[in-house]
Amino acid sequence: MDSPYDVLGLDADADDTEIERAYRRRVKETHPDRGGSVEAFRRVREAYEAVVSGTATPPADAAPGDGAQSPSAPADDGHAPTESSEPGSRAPGHGPVAEGGERAPGGRRSTECRVEYLDYEVLSDHGWEVDDPDLFEKAGAADLDHDDYGLFLAEPGETLLEAAENRGFAWPFACRGGACANCAVLVVDGGLDATVDNILSQDLVDDGFRLSCIGRPVTDDMQVVFNVKHLPGLDELRLPADRFERARADD
């Protein structure tokens, strides 16, 4: 079986920039909406997660001792590292679980998460700012449309985007592989595990931005502002909607 490095077309000593570029290229090549297959796309995502978490086995022709984990290492299950992950993972700025989060064995959350959401596009209509300390209190009192503001429960194992879609919402997305910012959200309160997130800069991560297509809730409650893809720093990381036929036309 090809190693994760082979799947991404990487050498075992590839640096973070090379890994990010290879991942974005392979996501586009294998995406089902661009002629790829679901299986190939899944393998690329799992390979990327294995590489950035440090659990990937080296390519078949890699010499021992070049930094990759040996074939006897535990197999990656396609999910974020659990609390036992070693320090120094390639993915910057994300711990395996946020404070207050509860995980089941294997790294998945064991309870539902209560998600309070708000569409960024309604803020200007009401004269609100995204950093207003009482933003969600204002939204709750404003009689907004259910698509723009409300609550839903995210099931264990669901990404935030999956949770929204499974409850009938049409949030922005494009690649579904963490390789663009179309699905970006601002986490105002709570935690969203995005251990494999490599497309966002550290400054964006520090400001609370995450990618909903790969991030899974890790706290009992969350407040998120979605549809923030046009904010400075995110707009240039978007993929045009015509790259992926199923992306929303206004993405």
C-alpha atoms as a PDB file:
ATOM      1  CA  MET A   1       0.000   0.000   0.000  1.00  0.00           C
ATOM      2  CA  ASP A   2       1.274   3.478  -0.838  1.00  0.00           C
ATOM      3  CA  SER A   3       2.465   5.502   2.121  1.00  0.00           C
ATOM      4  CA  PRO A   4       0.769   8.847   2.884  1.00  0.00           C
ATOM      5  CA  TYR A   5       3.823  10.542   1.388  1.00  0.00           C
ATOM      6  CA  ASP A   6       3.349   8.615  -1.850  1.00  0.00           C
ATOM      7  CA  VAL A   7      -0.348   9.534  -1.948  1.00  0.00           C
ATOM      8  CA  LEU A   8       0.568  13.213  -1.698  1.00  0.00           C
ATOM      9  CA  GLY A   9       3.614  12.937  -3.967  1.00  0.00           C
ATOM     10  CA  LEU A  10       5.990  14.045  -1.220  1.00  0.00           C
ATOM     11  CA  ASP A  11       9.473  13.165  -0.060  1.00  0.00           C
ATOM     12  CA  ALA A  12       9.806  12.091   3.568  1.00  0.00           C
ATOM     13  CA  ASP A  13      11.725  15.276   4.410  1.00  0.00           C
ATOM     14  CA  ALA A  14       9.125  17.651   2.924  1.00  0.00           C
ATOM     15  CA  ASP A  15       8.618  20.831   4.925  1.00  0.00           C
ATOM     16  CA  ASP A  16       5.281  22.345   5.940  1.00  0.00           C
ATOM     17  CA  THR A  17       5.041  24.565   2.872  1.00  0.00           C
ATOM     18  CA  GLU A  18       5.638  21.640   0.509  1.00  0.00           C
ATOM     19  CA  ILE A  19       3.061  19.546   2.361  1.00  0.00           C
ATOM     20  CA  GLU A  20       0.443  22.287   2.124  1.00  0.00           C
ATOM     21  CA  ARG A  21       1.036  22.820  -1.595  1.00  0.00           C
ATOM     22  CA  ALA A  22       0.943  19.100  -2.337  1.00  0.00           C
ATOM     23  CA  TYR A  23      -2.270  18.667  -0.380  1.00  0.00           C
ATOM     24  CA  ARG A  24      -4.058  21.503  -2.155  1.00  0.00           C
ATOM     25  CA  ARG A  25      -2.944  20.133  -5.533  1.00  0.00           C
ATOM     26  CA  ARG A  26      -4.064  16.574  -4.775  1.00  0.00           C
ATOM     27  CA  VAL A  27      -7.406  17.701  -3.302  1.00  0.00           C
ATOM     28  CA  LYS A  28      -8.212  19.450  -6.554  1.00  0.00           C
ATOM     29  CA  GLU A  29      -7.048  16.503  -8.654  1.00  0.00           C
ATOM     30  CA  THR A  30      -9.076  13.882  -6.783  1.00  0.00           C
ATOM     31  CA  HIS A  31     -12.225  15.782  -5.826  1.00  0.00           C
ATOM     32  CA  PRO A  32     -15.340  13.917  -7.087  1.00  0.00           C
ATOM     33  CA  ASP A  33     -16.759  17.138  -8.507  1.00  0.00           C
ATOM     34  CA  ARG A  34     -13.713  17.460 -10.771  1.00  0.00           C
ATOM     35  CA  GLY A  35     -13.615  13.934 -12.154  1.00  0.00           C
ATOM     36  CA  GLY A  36     -11.970  12.206  -9.203  1.00  0.00           C
ATOM     37  CA  SER A  37     -13.452   9.547  -6.957  1.00  0.00           C
ATOM     38  CA  VAL A  38     -14.726   9.560  -3.404  1.00  0.00           C
ATOM     39  CA  GLU A  39     -12.195   6.889  -2.465  1.00  0.00           C
ATOM     40  CA  ALA A  40      -9.235   8.799  -3.927  1.00  0.00           C
ATOM     41  CA  PHE A  41     -10.353  12.016  -2.248  1.00  0.00           C
ATOM     42  CA  ARG A  42     -10.700  10.223   1.093  1.00  0.00           C
ATOM     43  CA  ARG A  43      -7.222   8.724   0.759  1.00  0.00           C
ATOM     44  CA  VAL A  44      -5.727  12.161   0.114  1.00  0.00           C
ATOM     45  CA  ARG A  45      -7.402  13.617   3.198  1.00  0.00           C
ATOM     46  CA  GLU A  46      -6.283  10.693   5.365  1.00  0.00           C
ATOM     47  CA  ALA A  47      -2.754  10.891   3.984  1.00  0.00           C
ATOM     48  CA  TYR A  48      -2.561  14.590   4.788  1.00  0.00           C
ATOM     49  CA  GLU A  49      -3.841  14.045   8.327  1.00  0.00           C
ATOM     50  CA  ALA A  50      -1.280  11.286   8.854  1.00  0.00           C
ATOM     51  CA  VAL A  51       1.589  13.439   7.604  1.00  0.00           C
ATOM     52  CA  VAL A  52       0.761  16.536   9.664  1.00  0.00           C
ATOM     53  CA  SER A  53       0.078  14.496  12.814  1.00  0.00           C
ATOM     54  CA  GLY A  54       3.405  12.660  12.533  1.00  0.00           C
ATOM     55  CA  THR A  55       1.916   9.156  12.234  1.00  0.00           C
ATOM     56  CA  ALA A  56       2.688   8.653   8.538  1.00  0.00           C
ATOM     57  CA  THR A  57       4.969   5.845   7.416  1.00  0.00           C
ATOM     58  CA  PRO A  58       7.788   6.871   5.056  1.00  0.00           C
ATOM     59  CA  PRO A  59       7.744   6.248   1.303  1.00  0.00           C
ATOM     60  CA  ALA A  60       8.899   2.807   0.199  1.00  0.00           C
ATOM     61  CA  ASP A  61      12.242   4.173  -1.016  1.00  0.00           C
ATOM     62  CA  ALA A  62      12.914   6.393   2.009  1.00  0.00           C
ATOM     63  CA  ALA A  63      16.046   5.627   3.974  1.00  0.00           C
ATOM     64  CA  PRO A  64      15.677   4.866   7.695  1.00  0.00           C
ATOM     65  CA  GLY A  65      16.192   7.805  10.002  1.00  0.00           C
ATOM     66  CA  ASP A  66      14.876  10.602   7.780  1.00  0.00           C
ATOM     67  CA  GLY A  67      12.300  11.678  10.341  1.00  0.00           C
ATOM     68  CA  ALA A  68       9.141   9.780   9.389  1.00  0.00           C
ATOM     69  CA  GLN A  69       7.599   7.287  11.741  1.00  0.00           C
ATOM     70  CA  SER A  70       8.398   3.627  11.263  1.00  0.00           C
ATOM     71  CA  PRO A  71       5.912   1.148   9.746  1.00  0.00           C
ATOM     72  CA  SER A  72       5.311  -0.276  13.217  1.00  0.00           C
ATOM     73  CA  ALA A  73       3.726   3.001  14.348  1.00  0.00           C
ATOM     74  CA  PRO A  74      -0.016   2.998  15.122  1.00  0.00           C
ATOM     75  CA  ALA A  75      -2.161   3.343  12.016  1.00  0.00           C
ATOM     76  CA  ASP A  76      -3.886   6.654  11.424  1.00  0.00           C
ATOM     77  CA  ASP A  77      -7.682   6.426  11.473  1.00  0.00           C
ATOM     78  CA  GLY A  78      -8.309   9.582   9.476  1.00  0.00           C
ATOM     79  CA  HIS A  79      -9.192  11.677  12.525  1.00  0.00           C
ATOM     80  CA  ALA A  80      -7.382  14.235  14.611  1.00  0.00           C
ATOM     81  CA  PRO A  81      -4.744  13.038  17.116  1.00  0.00           C
ATOM     82  CA  THR A  82      -5.972  12.208  20.598  1.00  0.00           C
ATOM     83  CA  GLU A  83      -4.581  13.470  23.899  1.00  0.00           C
ATOM     84  CA  SER A  84      -1.704  10.991  23.615  1.00  0.00           C
ATOM     85  CA  SER A  85      -0.278  12.739  20.533  1.00  0.00           C
ATOM     86  CA  GLU A  86       3.333  13.747  20.919  1.00  0.00           C
ATOM     87  CA  PRO A  87       4.185  17.460  21.173  1.00  0.00           C
ATOM     88  CA  GLY A  88       5.561  19.070  18.052  1.00  0.00           C
ATOM     89  CA  SER A  89       2.859  18.052  15.578  1.00  0.00           C
ATOM     90  CA  ARG A  90       3.235  19.831  12.249  1.00  0.00           C
ATOM     91  CA  ALA A  91      -0.173  21.499  12.502  1.00  0.00           C
ATOM     92  CA  PRO A  92       0.361  24.855  14.280  1.00  0.00           C
ATOM     93  CA  GLY A  93      -1.890  26.445  16.826  1.00  0.00           C
ATOM     94  CA  HIS A  94      -4.280  23.581  17.581  1.00  0.00           C
ATOM     95  CA  GLY A  95      -4.337  21.276  20.559  1.00  0.00           C
ATOM     96  CA  PRO A  96      -6.006  17.881  20.250  1.00  0.00           C
ATOM     97  CA  VAL A  97      -8.928  19.011  22.398  1.00  0.00           C
ATOM     98  CA  ALA A  98     -10.072  22.377  23.675  1.00  0.00           C
ATOM     99  CA  GLU A  99     -10.509  23.076  27.367  1.00  0.00           C
ATOM    100  CA  GLY A 100     -13.791  21.618  28.512  1.00  0.00           C
ATOM    101  CA  GLY A 101     -14.040  19.259  25.588  1.00  0.00           C
ATOM    102  CA  GLU A 102     -15.038  15.653  26.122  1.00  0.00           C
ATOM    103  CA  ARG A 103     -13.719  12.907  23.870  1.00  0.00           C
ATOM    104  CA  ALA A 104     -14.628   9.278  23.467  1.00  0.00           C
ATOM    105  CA  PRO A 105     -11.869   6.667  23.032  1.00  0.00           C
ATOM    106  CA  GLY A 106     -10.246   7.120  19.632  1.00  0.00           C
ATOM    107  CA  GLY A 107     -10.425  10.932  19.675  1.00  0.00           C
ATOM    108  CA  ARG A 108     -14.112  11.501  18.858  1.00  0.00           C
ATOM    109  CA  ARG A 109     -16.447  13.546  20.999  1.00  0.00           C
ATOM    110  CA  SER A 110     -18.919  11.404  22.953  1.00  0.00           C
ATOM    111  CA  THR A 111     -21.716  13.947  23.491  1.00  0.00           C
ATOM    112  CA  GLU A 112     -23.695  16.382  21.370  1.00  0.00           C
ATOM    113  CA  CYS A 113     -22.563  19.985  21.016  1.00  0.00           C
ATOM    114  CA  ARG A 114     -25.065  22.862  21.146  1.00  0.00           C
ATOM    115  CA  VAL A 115     -24.143  25.201  18.279  1.00  0.00           C
ATOM    116  CA  GLU A 116     -25.446  28.773  18.213  1.00  0.00           C
ATOM    117  CA  TYR A 117     -24.824  30.213  14.755  1.00  0.00           C
ATOM    118  CA  LEU A 118     -25.047  33.628  13.084  1.00  0.00           C
ATOM    119  CA  ASP A 119     -24.670  34.600   9.422  1.00  0.00           C
ATOM    120  CA  TYR A 120     -22.027  37.311   9.007  1.00  0.00           C
ATOM    121  CA  GLU A 121     -24.008  38.931   6.207  1.00  0.00           C
ATOM    122  CA  VAL A 122     -26.750  40.143   8.573  1.00  0.00           C
ATOM    123  CA  LEU A 123     -24.373  42.127  10.768  1.00  0.00           C
ATOM    124  CA  SER A 124     -24.218  45.200   8.533  1.00  0.00           C
ATOM    125  CA  ASP A 125     -28.024  45.295   8.234  1.00  0.00           C
ATOM    126  CA  HIS A 126     -28.268  45.829  11.981  1.00  0.00           C
ATOM    127  CA  GLY A 127     -25.163  47.941  12.564  1.00  0.00           C
ATOM    128  CA  TRP A 128     -23.422  45.173  14.490  1.00  0.00           C
ATOM    129  CA  GLU A 129     -19.701  44.431  14.594  1.00  0.00           C
ATOM    130  CA  VAL A 130     -18.270  40.922  14.700  1.00  0.00           C
ATOM    131  CA  ASP A 131     -16.341  41.747  17.878  1.00  0.00           C
ATOM    132  CA  ASP A 132     -19.358  43.107  19.785  1.00  0.00           C
ATOM    133  CA  PRO A 133     -19.264  41.369  23.188  1.00  0.00           C
ATOM    134  CA  ASP A 134     -23.055  40.956  23.178  1.00  0.00           C
ATOM    135  CA  LEU A 135     -23.360  40.019  19.491  1.00  0.00           C
ATOM    136  CA  PHE A 136     -25.289  36.813  20.067  1.00  0.00           C
ATOM    137  CA  GLU A 137     -27.579  38.425  22.631  1.00  0.00           C
ATOM    138  CA  LYS A 138     -28.462  41.049  20.013  1.00  0.00           C
ATOM    139  CA  ALA A 139     -29.028  38.368  17.388  1.00  0.00           C
ATOM    140  CA  GLY A 140     -31.276  36.398  19.721  1.00  0.00           C
ATOM    141  CA  ALA A 141     -33.480  39.437  20.290  1.00  0.00           C
ATOM    142  CA  ALA A 142     -33.669  40.507  16.634  1.00  0.00           C
ATOM    143  CA  ASP A 143     -36.198  37.976  15.270  1.00  0.00           C
ATOM    144  CA  LEU A 144     -33.826  36.894  12.493  1.00  0.00           C
ATOM    145  CA  ASP A 145     -34.662  34.283   9.879  1.00  0.00           C
ATOM    146  CA  HIS A 146     -33.808  30.741  10.969  1.00  0.00           C
ATOM    147  CA  ASP A 147     -31.215  30.463   8.202  1.00  0.00           C
ATOM    148  CA  ASP A 148     -29.410  33.489   9.636  1.00  0.00           C
ATOM    149  CA  TYR A 149     -29.492  32.785  13.353  1.00  0.00           C
ATOM    150  CA  GLY A 150     -30.440  29.889  15.583  1.00  0.00           C
ATOM    151  CA  LEU A 151     -29.338  26.713  17.307  1.00  0.00           C
ATOM    152  CA  PHE A 152     -28.678  23.114  16.350  1.00  0.00           C
ATOM    153  CA  LEU A 153     -27.068  20.079  17.934  1.00  0.00           C
ATOM    154  CA  ALA A 154     -23.930  18.602  16.350  1.00  0.00           C
ATOM    155  CA  GLU A 155     -23.645  14.848  16.744  1.00  0.00           C
ATOM    156  CA  PRO A 156     -20.378  13.195  17.830  1.00  0.00           C
ATOM    157  CA  GLY A 157     -18.072  12.685  14.861  1.00  0.00           C
ATOM    158  CA  GLU A 158     -19.701  15.310  12.632  1.00  0.00           C
ATOM    159  CA  THR A 159     -17.704  18.208  11.298  1.00  0.00           C
ATOM    160  CA  LEU A 160     -19.390  21.551  11.837  1.00  0.00           C
ATOM    161  CA  LEU A 161     -20.239  21.775   8.125  1.00  0.00           C
ATOM    162  CA  GLU A 162     -21.701  18.267   8.132  1.00  0.00           C
ATOM    163  CA  ALA A 163     -23.753  19.085  11.220  1.00  0.00           C
ATOM    164  CA  ALA A 164     -25.197  22.195   9.562  1.00  0.00           C
ATOM    165  CA  GLU A 165     -25.971  20.380   6.308  1.00  0.00           C
ATOM    166  CA  ASN A 166     -27.492  17.391   8.073  1.00  0.00           C
ATOM    167  CA  ARG A 167     -29.961  19.794   9.652  1.00  0.00           C
ATOM    168  CA  GLY A 168     -30.954  21.381   6.367  1.00  0.00           C
ATOM    169  CA  PHE A 169     -28.673  24.433   6.232  1.00  0.00           C
ATOM    170  CA  ALA A 170     -26.728  25.503   3.141  1.00  0.00           C
ATOM    171  CA  TRP A 171     -23.492  26.951   4.488  1.00  0.00           C
ATOM    172  CA  PRO A 172     -20.753  27.997   2.047  1.00  0.00           C
ATOM    173  CA  PHE A 173     -18.139  25.417   1.031  1.00  0.00           C
ATOM    174  CA  ALA A 174     -16.028  24.395  -1.942  1.00  0.00           C
ATOM    175  CA  CYS A 175     -13.305  21.770  -1.579  1.00  0.00           C
ATOM    176  CA  ARG A 176     -14.448  19.991   1.629  1.00  0.00           C
ATOM    177  CA  GLY A 177     -10.819  19.111   2.231  1.00  0.00           C
ATOM    178  CA  GLY A 178      -9.427  22.032   4.201  1.00  0.00           C
ATOM    179  CA  ALA A 179      -7.688  23.436   1.119  1.00  0.00           C
ATOM    180  CA  CYS A 180      -9.637  26.699   0.819  1.00  0.00           C
ATOM    181  CA  ALA A 181     -11.410  29.251   3.024  1.00  0.00           C
ATOM    182  CA  ASN A 182     -14.904  29.123   1.497  1.00  0.00           C
ATOM    183  CA  CYS A 183     -16.268  27.329   4.565  1.00  0.00           C
ATOM    184  CA  ALA A 184     -14.441  29.441   7.161  1.00  0.00           C
ATOM    185  CA  VAL A 185     -16.196  30.340  10.402  1.00  0.00           C
ATOM    186  CA  LEU A 186     -15.297  32.578  13.312  1.00  0.00           C
ATOM    187  CA  VAL A 187     -15.455  30.726  16.622  1.00  0.00           C
ATOM    188  CA  VAL A 188     -16.684  33.286  19.150  1.00  0.00           C
ATOM    189  CA  ASP A 189     -17.062  30.828  22.012  1.00  0.00           C
ATOM    190  CA  GLY A 190     -16.281  27.136  22.424  1.00  0.00           C
ATOM    191  CA  GLY A 191     -13.822  24.940  20.567  1.00  0.00           C
ATOM    192  CA  LEU A 192     -13.543  23.495  17.085  1.00  0.00           C
ATOM    193  CA  ASP A 193     -10.857  20.853  16.564  1.00  0.00           C
ATOM    194  CA  ALA A 194      -9.013  21.604  13.332  1.00  0.00           C
ATOM    195  CA  THR A 195      -5.768  19.775  13.997  1.00  0.00           C
ATOM    196  CA  VAL A 196      -5.107  19.113  10.311  1.00  0.00           C
ATOM    197  CA  ASP A 197      -5.932  22.662   9.248  1.00  0.00           C
ATOM    198  CA  ASN A 198      -2.973  23.994   7.288  1.00  0.00           C
ATOM    199  CA  ILE A 199      -4.509  26.582   4.943  1.00  0.00           C
ATOM    200  CA  LEU A 200      -5.151  29.262   7.554  1.00  0.00           C
ATOM    201  CA  SER A 201      -2.299  31.459   8.718  1.00  0.00           C
ATOM    202  CA  GLN A 202      -1.363  31.451  12.385  1.00  0.00           C
ATOM    203  CA  ASP A 203      -2.717  34.994  12.704  1.00  0.00           C
ATOM    204  CA  LEU A 204      -6.130  33.861  11.419  1.00  0.00           C
ATOM    205  CA  VAL A 205      -6.104  30.881  13.773  1.00  0.00           C
ATOM    206  CA  ASP A 206      -5.192  33.128  16.705  1.00  0.00           C
ATOM    207  CA  ASP A 207      -8.106  35.396  15.774  1.00  0.00           C
ATOM    208  CA  GLY A 208     -10.513  32.457  16.086  1.00  0.00           C
ATOM    209  CA  PHE A 209     -11.047  31.441  12.463  1.00  0.00           C
ATOM    210  CA  ARG A 210     -11.462  27.757  11.607  1.00  0.00           C
ATOM    211  CA  LEU A 211     -12.571  25.684   8.620  1.00  0.00           C
ATOM    212  CA  SER A 212     -15.969  24.094   9.183  1.00  0.00           C
ATOM    213  CA  CYS A 213     -15.404  21.314   6.632  1.00  0.00           C
ATOM    214  CA  ILE A 214     -12.697  19.646   8.736  1.00  0.00           C
ATOM    215  CA  GLY A 215     -13.372  21.023  12.223  1.00  0.00           C
ATOM    216  CA  ARG A 216     -15.325  18.986  14.779  1.00  0.00           C
ATOM    217  CA  PRO A 217     -16.829  20.577  17.924  1.00  0.00           C
ATOM    218  CA  VAL A 218     -14.939  19.692  21.086  1.00  0.00           C
ATOM    219  CA  THR A 219     -16.932  21.638  23.688  1.00  0.00           C
ATOM    220  CA  ASP A 220     -20.460  21.317  25.024  1.00  0.00           C
ATOM    221  CA  ASP A 221     -21.492  24.668  23.527  1.00  0.00           C
ATOM    222  CA  MET A 222     -20.273  26.829  20.653  1.00  0.00           C
ATOM    223  CA  GLN A 223     -21.033  30.237  19.187  1.00  0.00           C
ATOM    224  CA  VAL A 224     -19.914  30.635  15.566  1.00  0.00           C
ATOM    225  CA  VAL A 225     -20.274  33.272  12.886  1.00  0.00           C
ATOM    226  CA  PHE A 226     -20.401  31.578   9.484  1.00  0.00           C
ATOM    227  CA  ASN A 227     -20.126  32.962   5.952  1.00  0.00           C
ATOM    228  CA  VAL A 228     -17.014  34.995   6.808  1.00  0.00           C
ATOM    229  CA  LYS A 229     -15.118  34.003   3.658  1.00  0.00           C
ATOM    230  CA  HIS A 230     -14.853  37.566   2.319  1.00  0.00           C
ATOM    231  CA  LEU A 231     -13.113  38.984   5.377  1.00  0.00           C
ATOM    232  CA  PRO A 232      -9.501  40.215   4.965  1.00  0.00           C
ATOM    233  CA  GLY A 233      -7.046  37.332   4.980  1.00  0.00           C
ATOM    234  CA  LEU A 234      -9.720  34.815   3.990  1.00  0.00           C
ATOM    235  CA  ASP A 235     -10.914  36.192   0.654  1.00  0.00           C
ATOM    236  CA  GLU A 236      -7.646  35.370  -1.090  1.00  0.00           C
ATOM    237  CA  LEU A 237      -7.825  31.784   0.210  1.00  0.00           C
ATOM    238  CA  ARG A 238     -11.169  31.057  -1.435  1.00  0.00           C
ATOM    239  CA  LEU A 239     -11.643  28.785  -4.428  1.00  0.00           C
ATOM    240  CA  PRO A 240     -13.907  30.028  -7.242  1.00  0.00           C
ATOM    241  CA  ALA A 241     -17.288  28.328  -7.183  1.00  0.00           C
ATOM    242  CA  ASP A 242     -16.848  27.037 -10.744  1.00  0.00           C
ATOM    243  CA  ARG A 243     -13.965  24.863  -9.551  1.00  0.00           C
ATOM    244  CA  PHE A 244     -16.478  22.632  -7.810  1.00  0.00           C
ATOM    245  CA  GLU A 245     -19.883  22.200  -9.380  1.00  0.00           C
ATOM    246  CA  ARG A 246     -21.641  21.627  -6.079  1.00  0.00           C
ATOM    247  CA  ALA A 247     -20.324  24.777  -4.438  1.00  0.00           C
ATOM    248  CA  ARG A 248     -22.938  27.452  -3.920  1.00  0.00           C
ATOM    249  CA  ALA A 249     -23.085  29.988  -6.720  1.00  0.00           C
ATOM    250  CA  ASP A 250     -22.313  32.924  -4.394  1.00  0.00           C
ATOM    251  CA  ASP A 251     -19.205  31.314  -2.889  1.00  0.00           C
END
